[in-house]
């Protein structure tokens, strides 16, 4: 939840985006993230 709030506040926060991009599960896996 805090990662979502931090990302909304700062879209350039890659660490928070990495945490939430597949939470809840969206089928966005490691390969997609690496690309």
ModelCIF file with pLDDT and N, C-alpha, C, O atoms, coordinates in Angstrom:
data_MODEL
#
_entry.id   MODEL 
#
_entity.id                         1 
_entity.type                       polymer 
_entity.pdbx_number_of_molecules   1 
#
_entity_poly.entity_id                      1 
_entity_poly.type                           'polypeptide(L)' 
_entity_poly.nstd_linkage                   no 
_entity_poly.nstd_monomer                   no 
_entity_poly.pdbx_seq_one_letter_code       
;(UNK)(UNK)(UNK)(UNK)(UNK)(UNK)(UNK)(UNK)(UNK)(UNK)(UNK)(UNK)(UNK)(UNK)(UNK)(UNK)
(UNK)(UNK)(UNK)(UNK)(UNK)(UNK)(UNK)(UNK)(UNK)(UNK)(UNK)(UNK)(UNK)(UNK)(UNK)(UNK)
(UNK)(UNK)(UNK)
;
_entity_poly.pdbx_seq_one_letter_code_can   XXXXXXXXXXXXXXXXXXXXXXXXXXXXXXXXXXX 
_entity_poly.pdbx_strand_id                 A 
#
loop_
_entity_poly_seq.entity_id 
_entity_poly_seq.num 
_entity_poly_seq.mon_id 
_entity_poly_seq.hetero 
1 1  UNK n 
1 2  UNK n 
1 3  UNK n 
1 4  UNK n 
1 5  UNK n 
1 6  UNK n 
1 7  UNK n 
1 8  UNK n 
1 9  UNK n 
1 10 UNK n 
1 11 UNK n 
1 12 UNK n 
1 13 UNK n 
1 14 UNK n 
1 15 UNK n 
1 16 UNK n 
1 17 UNK n 
1 18 UNK n 
1 19 UNK n 
1 20 UNK n 
1 21 UNK n 
1 22 UNK n 
1 23 UNK n 
1 24 UNK n 
1 25 UNK n 
1 26 UNK n 
1 27 UNK n 
1 28 UNK n 
1 29 UNK n 
1 30 UNK n 
1 31 UNK n 
1 32 UNK n 
1 33 UNK n 
1 34 UNK n 
1 35 UNK n 
#
_struct_asym.id          A 
_struct_asym.entity_id   1 
#
loop_
_ma_qa_metric.id 
_ma_qa_metric.mode 
_ma_qa_metric.name 
_ma_qa_metric.software_group_id 
_ma_qa_metric.type 
1 global pLDDT . pLDDT 
2 local  pLDDT . pLDDT 
#
_ma_qa_metric_global.metric_id      1 
_ma_qa_metric_global.metric_value   84.74 
_ma_qa_metric_global.model_id       1 
_ma_qa_metric_global.ordinal_id     1 
#
loop_
_ma_qa_metric_local.label_asym_id 
_ma_qa_metric_local.label_comp_id 
_ma_qa_metric_local.label_seq_id 
_ma_qa_metric_local.metric_id 
_ma_qa_metric_local.metric_value 
_ma_qa_metric_local.model_id 
_ma_qa_metric_local.ordinal_id 
A UNK 1  2 90.00 1 1  
A UNK 2  2 85.00 1 2  
A UNK 3  2 84.00 1 3  
A UNK 4  2 89.00 1 4  
A UNK 5  2 88.00 1 5  
A UNK 6  2 76.00 1 6  
A UNK 7  2 85.00 1 7  
A UNK 8  2 86.00 1 8  
A UNK 9  2 79.00 1 9  
A UNK 10 2 77.00 1 10 
A UNK 11 2 84.00 1 11 
A UNK 12 2 77.00 1 12 
A UNK 13 2 75.00 1 13 
A UNK 14 2 76.00 1 14 
A UNK 15 2 71.00 1 15 
A UNK 16 2 81.00 1 16 
A UNK 17 2 87.00 1 17 
A UNK 18 2 85.00 1 18 
A UNK 19 2 88.00 1 19 
A UNK 20 2 87.00 1 20 
A UNK 21 2 90.00 1 21 
A UNK 22 2 88.00 1 22 
A UNK 23 2 88.00 1 23 
A UNK 24 2 88.00 1 24 
A UNK 25 2 87.00 1 25 
A UNK 26 2 87.00 1 26 
A UNK 27 2 87.00 1 27 
A UNK 28 2 88.00 1 28 
A UNK 29 2 87.00 1 29 
A UNK 30 2 85.00 1 30 
A UNK 31 2 88.00 1 31 
A UNK 32 2 90.00 1 32 
A UNK 33 2 88.00 1 33 
A UNK 34 2 86.00 1 34 
A UNK 35 2 89.00 1 35 
#
loop_
_atom_site.group_PDB 
_atom_site.id 
_atom_site.type_symbol 
_atom_site.label_atom_id 
_atom_site.label_alt_id 
_atom_site.label_comp_id 
_atom_site.label_asym_id 
_atom_site.label_entity_id 
_atom_site.label_seq_id 
_atom_site.pdbx_PDB_ins_code 
_atom_site.Cartn_x 
_atom_site.Cartn_y 
_atom_site.Cartn_z 
_atom_site.occupancy 
_atom_site.B_iso_or_equiv 
_atom_site.pdbx_formal_charge 
_atom_site.auth_seq_id 
_atom_site.auth_comp_id 
_atom_site.auth_asym_id 
_atom_site.auth_atom_id 
_atom_site.pdbx_PDB_model_num 
ATOM 1   N N  . UNK A 1 1  ? 0.822  -1.205  0.000   1.00 90.00 ? 1  UNK A N  1 
ATOM 2   C CA . UNK A 1 1  ? 0.000  0.000   0.000   1.00 90.00 ? 1  UNK A CA 1 
ATOM 3   C C  . UNK A 1 1  ? 0.860  1.262   0.000   1.00 90.00 ? 1  UNK A C  1 
ATOM 4   O O  . UNK A 1 1  ? 0.589  2.208   -0.739  1.00 90.00 ? 1  UNK A O  1 
ATOM 5   N N  . UNK A 1 2  ? 1.890  1.266   0.828   1.00 85.00 ? 2  UNK A N  1 
ATOM 6   C CA . UNK A 1 2  ? 2.782  2.426   0.875   1.00 85.00 ? 2  UNK A CA 1 
ATOM 7   C C  . UNK A 1 2  ? 3.523  2.623   -0.449  1.00 85.00 ? 2  UNK A C  1 
ATOM 8   O O  . UNK A 1 2  ? 3.790  3.752   -0.858  1.00 85.00 ? 2  UNK A O  1 
ATOM 9   N N  . UNK A 1 3  ? 3.855  1.505   -1.115  1.00 84.00 ? 3  UNK A N  1 
ATOM 10  C CA . UNK A 1 3  ? 4.519  1.601   -2.416  1.00 84.00 ? 3  UNK A CA 1 
ATOM 11  C C  . UNK A 1 3  ? 3.601  2.254   -3.434  1.00 84.00 ? 3  UNK A C  1 
ATOM 12  O O  . UNK A 1 3  ? 4.048  3.058   -4.253  1.00 84.00 ? 3  UNK A O  1 
ATOM 13  N N  . UNK A 1 4  ? 2.309  1.911   -3.387  1.00 89.00 ? 4  UNK A N  1 
ATOM 14  C CA . UNK A 1 4  ? 1.344  2.559   -4.279  1.00 89.00 ? 4  UNK A CA 1 
ATOM 15  C C  . UNK A 1 4  ? 1.310  4.067   -4.023  1.00 89.00 ? 4  UNK A C  1 
ATOM 16  O O  . UNK A 1 4  ? 1.344  4.869   -4.957  1.00 89.00 ? 4  UNK A O  1 
ATOM 17  N N  . UNK A 1 5  ? 1.242  4.437   -2.747  1.00 88.00 ? 5  UNK A N  1 
ATOM 18  C CA . UNK A 1 5  ? 1.167  5.855   -2.400  1.00 88.00 ? 5  UNK A CA 1 
ATOM 19  C C  . UNK A 1 5  ? 2.435  6.598   -2.820  1.00 88.00 ? 5  UNK A C  1 
ATOM 20  O O  . UNK A 1 5  ? 2.372  7.718   -3.326  1.00 88.00 ? 5  UNK A O  1 
ATOM 21  N N  . UNK A 1 6  ? 3.579  5.963   -2.605  1.00 76.00 ? 6  UNK A N  1 
ATOM 22  C CA . UNK A 1 6  ? 4.840  6.605   -3.010  1.00 76.00 ? 6  UNK A CA 1 
ATOM 23  C C  . UNK A 1 6  ? 4.917  6.756   -4.520  1.00 76.00 ? 6  UNK A C  1 
ATOM 24  O O  . UNK A 1 6  ? 5.416  7.761   -5.026  1.00 76.00 ? 6  UNK A O  1 
ATOM 25  N N  . UNK A 1 7  ? 4.417  5.746   -5.244  1.00 85.00 ? 7  UNK A N  1 
ATOM 26  C CA . UNK A 1 7  ? 4.477  5.816   -6.707  1.00 85.00 ? 7  UNK A CA 1 
ATOM 27  C C  . UNK A 1 7  ? 3.544  6.897   -7.245  1.00 85.00 ? 7  UNK A C  1 
ATOM 28  O O  . UNK A 1 7  ? 3.896  7.634   -8.166  1.00 85.00 ? 7  UNK A O  1 
ATOM 29  N N  . UNK A 1 8  ? 2.341  6.982   -6.653  1.00 86.00 ? 8  UNK A N  1 
ATOM 30  C CA . UNK A 1 8  ? 1.408  8.034   -7.077  1.00 86.00 ? 8  UNK A CA 1 
ATOM 31  C C  . UNK A 1 8  ? 2.023  9.408   -6.825  1.00 86.00 ? 8  UNK A C  1 
ATOM 32  O O  . UNK A 1 8  ? 1.873  10.331  -7.626  1.00 86.00 ? 8  UNK A O  1 
ATOM 33  N N  . UNK A 1 9  ? 2.710  9.519   -5.708  1.00 79.00 ? 9  UNK A N  1 
ATOM 34  C CA . UNK A 1 9  ? 3.372  10.782  -5.375  1.00 79.00 ? 9  UNK A CA 1 
ATOM 35  C C  . UNK A 1 9  ? 4.563  11.058  -6.288  1.00 79.00 ? 9  UNK A C  1 
ATOM 36  O O  . UNK A 1 9  ? 4.823  12.205  -6.650  1.00 79.00 ? 9  UNK A O  1 
ATOM 37  N N  . UNK A 1 10 ? 5.274  10.013  -6.652  1.00 77.00 ? 10 UNK A N  1 
ATOM 38  C CA . UNK A 1 10 ? 6.474  10.162  -7.480  1.00 77.00 ? 10 UNK A CA 1 
ATOM 39  C C  . UNK A 1 10 ? 6.556  9.022   -8.500  1.00 77.00 ? 10 UNK A C  1 
ATOM 40  O O  . UNK A 1 10 ? 7.111  7.966   -8.196  1.00 77.00 ? 10 UNK A O  1 
ATOM 41  N N  . UNK A 1 11 ? 6.010  9.221   -9.706  1.00 84.00 ? 11 UNK A N  1 
ATOM 42  C CA . UNK A 1 11 ? 6.017  8.172   -10.738 1.00 84.00 ? 11 UNK A CA 1 
ATOM 43  C C  . UNK A 1 11 ? 7.420  7.747   -11.164 1.00 84.00 ? 11 UNK A C  1 
ATOM 44  O O  . UNK A 1 11 ? 7.569  6.721   -11.828 1.00 84.00 ? 11 UNK A O  1 
ATOM 45  N N  . UNK A 1 12 ? 8.430  8.494   -10.805 1.00 77.00 ? 12 UNK A N  1 
ATOM 46  C CA . UNK A 1 12 ? 9.798  8.117   -11.166 1.00 77.00 ? 12 UNK A CA 1 
ATOM 47  C C  . UNK A 1 12 ? 10.437 7.173   -10.139 1.00 77.00 ? 12 UNK A C  1 
ATOM 48  O O  . UNK A 1 12 ? 11.601 6.793   -10.268 1.00 77.00 ? 12 UNK A O  1 
ATOM 49  N N  . UNK A 1 13 ? 9.662  6.809   -9.132  1.00 75.00 ? 13 UNK A N  1 
ATOM 50  C CA . UNK A 1 13 ? 10.165 5.899   -8.095  1.00 75.00 ? 13 UNK A CA 1 
ATOM 51  C C  . UNK A 1 13 ? 10.122 4.460   -8.631  1.00 75.00 ? 13 UNK A C  1 
ATOM 52  O O  . UNK A 1 13 ? 9.124  3.759   -8.463  1.00 75.00 ? 13 UNK A O  1 
ATOM 53  N N  . UNK A 1 14 ? 11.211 4.030   -9.276  1.00 76.00 ? 14 UNK A N  1 
ATOM 54  C CA . UNK A 1 14 ? 11.251 2.705   -9.886  1.00 76.00 ? 14 UNK A CA 1 
ATOM 55  C C  . UNK A 1 14 ? 11.131 1.575   -8.859  1.00 76.00 ? 14 UNK A C  1 
ATOM 56  O O  . UNK A 1 14 ? 10.571 0.524   -9.172  1.00 76.00 ? 14 UNK A O  1 
ATOM 57  N N  . UNK A 1 15 ? 11.648 1.772   -7.634  1.00 71.00 ? 15 UNK A N  1 
ATOM 58  C CA . UNK A 1 15 ? 11.574 0.727   -6.616  1.00 71.00 ? 15 UNK A CA 1 
ATOM 59  C C  . UNK A 1 15 ? 10.125 0.441   -6.226  1.00 71.00 ? 15 UNK A C  1 
ATOM 60  O O  . UNK A 1 15 ? 9.724  -0.713  -6.079  1.00 71.00 ? 15 UNK A O  1 
ATOM 61  N N  . UNK A 1 16 ? 9.350  1.510   -6.061  1.00 81.00 ? 16 UNK A N  1 
ATOM 62  C CA . UNK A 1 16 ? 7.942  1.322   -5.710  1.00 81.00 ? 16 UNK A CA 1 
ATOM 63  C C  . UNK A 1 16 ? 7.178  0.698   -6.868  1.00 81.00 ? 16 UNK A C  1 
ATOM 64  O O  . UNK A 1 16 ? 6.314  -0.153  -6.657  1.00 81.00 ? 16 UNK A O  1 
ATOM 65  N N  . UNK A 1 17 ? 7.494  1.119   -8.098  1.00 87.00 ? 17 UNK A N  1 
ATOM 66  C CA . UNK A 1 17 ? 6.825  0.557   -9.261  1.00 87.00 ? 17 UNK A CA 1 
ATOM 67  C C  . UNK A 1 17 ? 7.130  -0.937  -9.394  1.00 87.00 ? 17 UNK A C  1 
ATOM 68  O O  . UNK A 1 17 ? 6.249  -1.726  -9.733  1.00 87.00 ? 17 UNK A O  1 
ATOM 69  N N  . UNK A 1 18 ? 8.378  -1.318  -9.126  1.00 85.00 ? 18 UNK A N  1 
ATOM 70  C CA . UNK A 1 18 ? 8.753  -2.731  -9.205  1.00 85.00 ? 18 UNK A CA 1 
ATOM 71  C C  . UNK A 1 18 ? 7.936  -3.566  -8.227  1.00 85.00 ? 18 UNK A C  1 
ATOM 72  O O  . UNK A 1 18 ? 7.621  -4.723  -8.507  1.00 85.00 ? 18 UNK A O  1 
ATOM 73  N N  . UNK A 1 19 ? 7.595  -2.987  -7.087  1.00 88.00 ? 19 UNK A N  1 
ATOM 74  C CA . UNK A 1 19 ? 6.848  -3.721  -6.072  1.00 88.00 ? 19 UNK A CA 1 
ATOM 75  C C  . UNK A 1 19 ? 5.379  -3.891  -6.450  1.00 88.00 ? 19 UNK A C  1 
ATOM 76  O O  . UNK A 1 19 ? 4.782  -4.930  -6.169  1.00 88.00 ? 19 UNK A O  1 
ATOM 77  N N  . UNK A 1 20 ? 4.797  -2.882  -7.083  1.00 87.00 ? 20 UNK A N  1 
ATOM 78  C CA . UNK A 1 20 ? 3.342  -2.896  -7.288  1.00 87.00 ? 20 UNK A CA 1 
ATOM 79  C C  . UNK A 1 20 ? 2.910  -3.331  -8.685  1.00 87.00 ? 20 UNK A C  1 
ATOM 80  O O  . UNK A 1 20 ? 1.726  -3.588  -8.905  1.00 87.00 ? 20 UNK A O  1 
ATOM 81  N N  . UNK A 1 21 ? 3.839  -3.419  -9.628  1.00 90.00 ? 21 UNK A N  1 
ATOM 82  C CA . UNK A 1 21 ? 3.431  -3.651  -11.013 1.00 90.00 ? 21 UNK A CA 1 
ATOM 83  C C  . UNK A 1 21 ? 2.694  -4.974  -11.199 1.00 90.00 ? 21 UNK A C  1 
ATOM 84  O O  . UNK A 1 21 ? 1.906  -5.119  -12.134 1.00 90.00 ? 21 UNK A O  1 
ATOM 85  N N  . UNK A 1 22 ? 2.941  -5.924  -10.327 1.00 88.00 ? 22 UNK A N  1 
ATOM 86  C CA . UNK A 1 22 ? 2.230  -7.200  -10.425 1.00 88.00 ? 22 UNK A CA 1 
ATOM 87  C C  . UNK A 1 22 ? 1.501  -7.546  -9.132  1.00 88.00 ? 22 UNK A C  1 
ATOM 88  O O  . UNK A 1 22 ? 1.308  -8.716  -8.802  1.00 88.00 ? 22 UNK A O  1 
ATOM 89  N N  . UNK A 1 23 ? 1.092  -6.483  -8.397  1.00 88.00 ? 23 UNK A N  1 
ATOM 90  C CA . UNK A 1 23 ? 0.329  -6.656  -7.159  1.00 88.00 ? 23 UNK A CA 1 
ATOM 91  C C  . UNK A 1 23 ? -0.924 -5.798  -7.231  1.00 88.00 ? 23 UNK A C  1 
ATOM 92  O O  . UNK A 1 23 ? -0.807 -4.573  -7.195  1.00 88.00 ? 23 UNK A O  1 
ATOM 93  N N  . UNK A 1 24 ? -2.118 -6.377  -7.330  1.00 88.00 ? 24 UNK A N  1 
ATOM 94  C CA . UNK A 1 24 ? -2.374 -7.814  -7.413  1.00 88.00 ? 24 UNK A CA 1 
ATOM 95  C C  . UNK A 1 24 ? -1.853 -8.411  -8.719  1.00 88.00 ? 24 UNK A C  1 
ATOM 96  O O  . UNK A 1 24 ? -1.481 -7.678  -9.636  1.00 88.00 ? 24 UNK A O  1 
ATOM 97  N N  . UNK A 1 25 ? -1.826 -9.725  -8.800  1.00 87.00 ? 25 UNK A N  1 
ATOM 98  C CA . UNK A 1 25 ? -1.234 -10.392 -9.952  1.00 87.00 ? 25 UNK A CA 1 
ATOM 99  C C  . UNK A 1 25 ? -1.911 -9.959  -11.245 1.00 87.00 ? 25 UNK A C  1 
ATOM 100 O O  . UNK A 1 25 ? -3.133 -10.024 -11.374 1.00 87.00 ? 25 UNK A O  1 
ATOM 101 N N  . UNK A 1 26 ? -1.087 -9.511  -12.210 1.00 87.00 ? 26 UNK A N  1 
ATOM 102 C CA . UNK A 1 26 ? -1.598 -9.067  -13.506 1.00 87.00 ? 26 UNK A CA 1 
ATOM 103 C C  . UNK A 1 26 ? -0.970 -9.836  -14.662 1.00 87.00 ? 26 UNK A C  1 
ATOM 104 O O  . UNK A 1 26 ? -1.255 -9.563  -15.828 1.00 87.00 ? 26 UNK A O  1 
ATOM 105 N N  . UNK A 1 27 ? -0.112 -10.803 -14.329 1.00 87.00 ? 27 UNK A N  1 
ATOM 106 C CA . UNK A 1 27 ? 0.566  -11.533 -15.387 1.00 87.00 ? 27 UNK A CA 1 
ATOM 107 C C  . UNK A 1 27 ? 1.744  -10.779 -15.956 1.00 87.00 ? 27 UNK A C  1 
ATOM 108 O O  . UNK A 1 27 ? 2.224  -11.084 -17.048 1.00 87.00 ? 27 UNK A O  1 
ATOM 109 N N  . UNK A 1 28 ? 2.215  -9.782  -15.204 1.00 88.00 ? 28 UNK A N  1 
ATOM 110 C CA . UNK A 1 28 ? 3.405  -9.030  -15.623 1.00 88.00 ? 28 UNK A CA 1 
ATOM 111 C C  . UNK A 1 28 ? 4.590  -9.602  -14.861 1.00 88.00 ? 28 UNK A C  1 
ATOM 112 O O  . UNK A 1 28 ? 4.820  -9.263  -13.700 1.00 88.00 ? 28 UNK A O  1 
ATOM 113 N N  . UNK A 1 29 ? 5.332  -10.463 -15.522 1.00 87.00 ? 29 UNK A N  1 
ATOM 114 C CA . UNK A 1 29 ? 6.389  -11.191 -14.839 1.00 87.00 ? 29 UNK A CA 1 
ATOM 115 C C  . UNK A 1 29 ? 7.761  -10.552 -14.941 1.00 87.00 ? 29 UNK A C  1 
ATOM 116 O O  . UNK A 1 29 ? 7.905  -9.410  -15.377 1.00 87.00 ? 29 UNK A O  1 
ATOM 117 N N  . UNK A 1 30 ? 8.765  -11.314 -14.530 1.00 85.00 ? 30 UNK A N  1 
ATOM 118 C CA . UNK A 1 30 ? 10.147 -10.836 -14.483 1.00 85.00 ? 30 UNK A CA 1 
ATOM 119 C C  . UNK A 1 30 ? 10.662 -10.446 -15.865 1.00 85.00 ? 30 UNK A C  1 
ATOM 120 O O  . UNK A 1 30 ? 11.349 -9.435  -16.007 1.00 85.00 ? 30 UNK A O  1 
ATOM 121 N N  . UNK A 1 31 ? 10.336 -11.237 -16.881 1.00 88.00 ? 31 UNK A N  1 
ATOM 122 C CA . UNK A 1 31 ? 10.831 -10.935 -18.234 1.00 88.00 ? 31 UNK A CA 1 
ATOM 123 C C  . UNK A 1 31 ? 10.327 -9.581  -18.715 1.00 88.00 ? 31 UNK A C  1 
ATOM 124 O O  . UNK A 1 31 ? 11.089 -8.790  -19.271 1.00 88.00 ? 31 UNK A O  1 
ATOM 125 N N  . UNK A 1 32 ? 9.032  -9.316  -18.498 1.00 90.00 ? 32 UNK A N  1 
ATOM 126 C CA . UNK A 1 32 ? 8.452  -8.025  -18.901 1.00 90.00 ? 32 UNK A CA 1 
ATOM 127 C C  . UNK A 1 32 ? 9.110  -6.888  -18.140 1.00 90.00 ? 32 UNK A C  1 
ATOM 128 O O  . UNK A 1 32 ? 9.463  -5.861  -18.720 1.00 90.00 ? 32 UNK A O  1 
ATOM 129 N N  . UNK A 1 33 ? 9.272  -7.075  -16.847 1.00 88.00 ? 33 UNK A N  1 
ATOM 130 C CA . UNK A 1 33 ? 9.895  -6.026  -16.039 1.00 88.00 ? 33 UNK A CA 1 
ATOM 131 C C  . UNK A 1 33 ? 11.323 -5.743  -16.498 1.00 88.00 ? 33 UNK A C  1 
ATOM 132 O O  . UNK A 1 33 ? 11.728 -4.583  -16.586 1.00 88.00 ? 33 UNK A O  1 
ATOM 133 N N  . UNK A 1 34 ? 12.072 -6.774  -16.787 1.00 86.00 ? 34 UNK A N  1 
ATOM 134 C CA . UNK A 1 34 ? 13.452 -6.583  -17.245 1.00 86.00 ? 34 UNK A CA 1 
ATOM 135 C C  . UNK A 1 34 ? 13.499 -5.805  -18.554 1.00 86.00 ? 34 UNK A C  1 
ATOM 136 O O  . UNK A 1 34 ? 14.386 -4.975  -18.749 1.00 86.00 ? 34 UNK A O  1 
ATOM 137 N N  . UNK A 1 35 ? 12.541 -6.069  -19.461 1.00 89.00 ? 35 UNK A N  1 
ATOM 138 C CA . UNK A 1 35 ? 12.489 -5.328  -20.732 1.00 89.00 ? 35 UNK A CA 1 
ATOM 139 C C  . UNK A 1 35 ? 12.208 -3.857  -20.486 1.00 89.00 ? 35 UNK A C  1 
ATOM 140 O O  . UNK A 1 35 ? 12.128 -3.077  -21.435 1.00 89.00 ? 35 UNK A O  1 
#
